[in-house]
Amino acid sequence: QVQLVESGGGLVQAGGSLRLSCAASGRSFSNYVMGWFRQVPGKEREFVGGISWRTGSTTYSDSVKGRFTVSRDNARNSVSLQMNSLKPEDTAVYYCAARWIGESSYKHWGQGTQVTVSS
């Protein structure tokens, strides 16, 4: 059974940094793509960034490109989201997700972690 557990959320001032981690367990993720999403109450969940576990290639939304970095740690079976130059509009619940490389939708989700950026 796939389990994704996020950690590292919290309160930070605008311009600051936070690092989120996602511990993945339950299977081998070598053929999976890991994604980070965020959601604000009343709005749709938004893609933030993703990484191919096998190749390490990454993709980002335009709103975070150049500020956020997704990385993986094969030894620890974890994925991280380094967030720099945070803005109040980055405030959201952040979710880690996983999808098999041959599928387009993410089927496995973590419980989410709150990130609040104060102005």
C-alpha atoms as a PDB file:
ATOM      1  CA  GLN A   1       0.000   0.000   0.000  1.00  0.00           C
ATOM      2  CA  VAL A   2       1.460   3.321  -1.079  1.00  0.00           C
ATOM      3  CA  GLN A   3       1.861   5.860   1.676  1.00  0.00           C
ATOM      4  CA  LEU A   4       3.000   9.457   1.277  1.00  0.00           C
ATOM      5  CA  VAL A   5       3.670  11.572   4.350  1.00  0.00           C
ATOM      6  CA  GLU A   6       4.492  15.269   4.084  1.00  0.00           C
ATOM      7  CA  SER A   7       6.332  17.302   6.674  1.00  0.00           C
ATOM      8  CA  GLY A   8       7.983  20.691   7.015  1.00  0.00           C
ATOM      9  CA  GLY A   9       5.107  23.114   6.676  1.00  0.00           C
ATOM     10  CA  GLY A  10       4.713  26.138   8.914  1.00  0.00           C
ATOM     11  CA  LEU A  11       4.593  29.906   9.157  1.00  0.00           C
ATOM     12  CA  VAL A  12       7.215  32.055   7.455  1.00  0.00           C
ATOM     13  CA  GLN A  13       7.576  35.726   6.559  1.00  0.00           C
ATOM     14  CA  ALA A  14       7.483  36.886   2.973  1.00  0.00           C
ATOM     15  CA  GLY A  15      10.891  36.495   1.372  1.00  0.00           C
ATOM     16  CA  GLY A  16      11.755  33.545   3.581  1.00  0.00           C
ATOM     17  CA  SER A  17      12.274  29.868   2.812  1.00  0.00           C
ATOM     18  CA  LEU A  18      10.759  26.535   3.756  1.00  0.00           C
ATOM     19  CA  ARG A  19      11.588  22.976   2.811  1.00  0.00           C
ATOM     20  CA  LEU A  20       8.870  20.367   2.552  1.00  0.00           C
ATOM     21  CA  SER A  21       9.596  16.661   2.577  1.00  0.00           C
ATOM     22  CA  CYS A  22       7.547  13.701   1.410  1.00  0.00           C
ATOM     23  CA  ALA A  23       8.391  10.258   2.725  1.00  0.00           C
ATOM     24  CA  ALA A  24       7.234   7.590   0.283  1.00  0.00           C
ATOM     25  CA  SER A  25       6.705   3.941   1.192  1.00  0.00           C
ATOM     26  CA  GLY A  26       4.839   0.834   0.147  1.00  0.00           C
ATOM     27  CA  ARG A  27       6.477   0.037  -3.163  1.00  0.00           C
ATOM     28  CA  SER A  28       9.347   0.854  -5.476  1.00  0.00           C
ATOM     29  CA  PHE A  29       8.905   4.288  -7.020  1.00  0.00           C
ATOM     30  CA  SER A  30      11.520   3.938  -9.749  1.00  0.00           C
ATOM     31  CA  ASN A  31       8.810   4.101 -12.434  1.00  0.00           C
ATOM     32  CA  TYR A  32       6.837   6.865 -10.801  1.00  0.00           C
ATOM     33  CA  VAL A  33       6.562  10.607 -11.165  1.00  0.00           C
ATOM     34  CA  MET A  34       6.285  12.532  -7.917  1.00  0.00           C
ATOM     35  CA  GLY A  35       4.387  15.791  -7.821  1.00  0.00           C
ATOM     36  CA  TRP A  36       3.774  18.657  -5.452  1.00  0.00           C
ATOM     37  CA  PHE A  37       0.411  20.388  -5.508  1.00  0.00           C
ATOM     38  CA  ARG A  38      -1.174  23.122  -3.424  1.00  0.00           C
ATOM     39  CA  GLN A  39      -4.698  24.160  -2.640  1.00  0.00           C
ATOM     40  CA  VAL A  40      -6.341  27.219  -1.174  1.00  0.00           C
ATOM     41  CA  PRO A  41      -9.874  26.930   0.246  1.00  0.00           C
ATOM     42  CA  GLY A  42     -12.429  27.561  -2.469  1.00  0.00           C
ATOM     43  CA  LYS A  43      -9.954  27.033  -5.301  1.00  0.00           C
ATOM     44  CA  GLU A  44      -8.884  24.064  -7.370  1.00  0.00           C
ATOM     45  CA  ARG A  45      -5.784  22.132  -6.509  1.00  0.00           C
ATOM     46  CA  GLU A  46      -2.814  23.586  -8.409  1.00  0.00           C
ATOM     47  CA  PHE A  47       0.243  21.778  -9.754  1.00  0.00           C
ATOM     48  CA  VAL A  48       3.467  23.223  -8.333  1.00  0.00           C
ATOM     49  CA  GLY A  49       6.252  20.967  -9.542  1.00  0.00           C
ATOM     50  CA  GLY A  50       7.180  17.380 -10.265  1.00  0.00           C
ATOM     51  CA  ILE A  51      10.126  15.035 -10.683  1.00  0.00           C
ATOM     52  CA  SER A  52      10.705  11.760 -12.456  1.00  0.00           C
ATOM     53  CA  TRP A  53      12.079   9.329  -9.926  1.00  0.00           C
ATOM     54  CA  ARG A  54      14.071   7.469 -12.560  1.00  0.00           C
ATOM     55  CA  THR A  55      15.634  10.358 -14.477  1.00  0.00           C
ATOM     56  CA  GLY A  56      15.445  13.224 -12.009  1.00  0.00           C
ATOM     57  CA  SER A  57      13.959  15.523 -14.640  1.00  0.00           C
ATOM     58  CA  THR A  58      11.742  18.252 -13.201  1.00  0.00           C
ATOM     59  CA  THR A  59       8.845  20.459 -14.258  1.00  0.00           C
ATOM     60  CA  TYR A  60       7.411  23.542 -12.577  1.00  0.00           C
ATOM     61  CA  SER A  61       4.444  25.827 -12.841  1.00  0.00           C
ATOM     62  CA  ASP A  62       5.215  29.315 -14.063  1.00  0.00           C
ATOM     63  CA  SER A  63       4.171  30.773 -10.727  1.00  0.00           C
ATOM     64  CA  VAL A  64       7.015  29.065  -8.845  1.00  0.00           C
ATOM     65  CA  LYS A  65       9.688  28.604 -11.518  1.00  0.00           C
ATOM     66  CA  GLY A  66      13.001  29.995 -10.323  1.00  0.00           C
ATOM     67  CA  ARG A  67      11.889  30.046  -6.677  1.00  0.00           C
ATOM     68  CA  PHE A  68      10.978  26.425  -5.917  1.00  0.00           C
ATOM     69  CA  THR A  69      13.078  23.311  -6.459  1.00  0.00           C
ATOM     70  CA  VAL A  70      11.939  19.687  -6.399  1.00  0.00           C
ATOM     71  CA  SER A  71      14.508  17.016  -5.615  1.00  0.00           C
ATOM     72  CA  ARG A  72      14.600  13.349  -4.659  1.00  0.00           C
ATOM     73  CA  ASP A  73      16.662  11.293  -2.267  1.00  0.00           C
ATOM     74  CA  ASN A  74      16.800   7.720  -3.518  1.00  0.00           C
ATOM     75  CA  ALA A  75      18.462   6.404  -0.371  1.00  0.00           C
ATOM     76  CA  ARG A  76      15.741   7.813   1.864  1.00  0.00           C
ATOM     77  CA  ASN A  77      12.886   7.248  -0.592  1.00  0.00           C
ATOM     78  CA  SER A  78      11.827  10.838  -0.184  1.00  0.00           C
ATOM     79  CA  VAL A  79      11.061  13.879  -2.285  1.00  0.00           C
ATOM     80  CA  SER A  80      11.578  17.472  -1.219  1.00  0.00           C
ATOM     81  CA  LEU A  81      10.244  20.855  -2.224  1.00  0.00           C
ATOM     82  CA  GLN A  82      12.618  23.708  -1.456  1.00  0.00           C
ATOM     83  CA  MET A  83      10.685  26.984  -1.458  1.00  0.00           C
ATOM     84  CA  ASN A  84      12.607  30.257  -1.576  1.00  0.00           C
ATOM     85  CA  SER A  85      11.535  33.880  -1.898  1.00  0.00           C
ATOM     86  CA  LEU A  86       8.129  32.966  -0.553  1.00  0.00           C
ATOM     87  CA  LYS A  87       5.188  35.270  -1.186  1.00  0.00           C
ATOM     88  CA  PRO A  88       1.865  35.602   0.662  1.00  0.00           C
ATOM     89  CA  GLU A  89       0.145  34.103  -2.376  1.00  0.00           C
ATOM     90  CA  ASP A  90       2.114  30.886  -1.812  1.00  0.00           C
ATOM     91  CA  THR A  91      -0.004  30.292   1.283  1.00  0.00           C
ATOM     92  CA  ALA A  92      -1.819  26.976   0.832  1.00  0.00           C
ATOM     93  CA  VAL A  93      -1.993  23.371   1.885  1.00  0.00           C
ATOM     94  CA  TYR A  94       0.749  21.540   0.020  1.00  0.00           C
ATOM     95  CA  TYR A  95       0.307  17.929  -1.072  1.00  0.00           C
ATOM     96  CA  CYS A  96       2.724  15.298  -2.251  1.00  0.00           C
ATOM     97  CA  ALA A  97       1.406  12.936  -4.928  1.00  0.00           C
ATOM     98  CA  ALA A  98       2.589  10.002  -7.031  1.00  0.00           C
ATOM     99  CA  ARG A  99       1.605   8.581 -10.401  1.00  0.00           C
ATOM    100  CA  TRP A 100       2.928   5.709 -12.428  1.00  0.00           C
ATOM    101  CA  ILE A 101       4.942   7.001 -15.389  1.00  0.00           C
ATOM    102  CA  GLY A 102       2.494   5.464 -17.879  1.00  0.00           C
ATOM    103  CA  GLU A 103      -0.527   7.267 -16.434  1.00  0.00           C
ATOM    104  CA  SER A 104      -1.537  10.907 -16.623  1.00  0.00           C
ATOM    105  CA  SER A 105      -3.363  11.245 -13.321  1.00  0.00           C
ATOM    106  CA  TYR A 106      -1.999  11.124  -9.804  1.00  0.00           C
ATOM    107  CA  LYS A 107      -3.571   8.305  -7.826  1.00  0.00           C
ATOM    108  CA  HIS A 108      -1.664   8.487  -4.560  1.00  0.00           C
ATOM    109  CA  TRP A 109      -1.810  11.484  -2.256  1.00  0.00           C
ATOM    110  CA  GLY A 110      -0.432  12.558   1.074  1.00  0.00           C
ATOM    111  CA  GLN A 111      -2.476  14.217   3.789  1.00  0.00           C
ATOM    112  CA  GLY A 112      -1.092  17.697   3.111  1.00  0.00           C
ATOM    113  CA  THR A 113       0.867  20.214   5.128  1.00  0.00           C
ATOM    114  CA  GLN A 114      -0.034  23.864   5.719  1.00  0.00           C
ATOM    115  CA  VAL A 115       2.277  26.620   4.525  1.00  0.00           C
ATOM    116  CA  THR A 116       1.452  30.162   5.607  1.00  0.00           C
ATOM    117  CA  VAL A 117       3.421  33.148   4.351  1.00  0.00           C
ATOM    118  CA  SER A 118       2.861  36.405   6.212  1.00  0.00           C
ATOM    119  CA  SER A 119       3.336  39.793   4.604  1.00  0.00           C
END
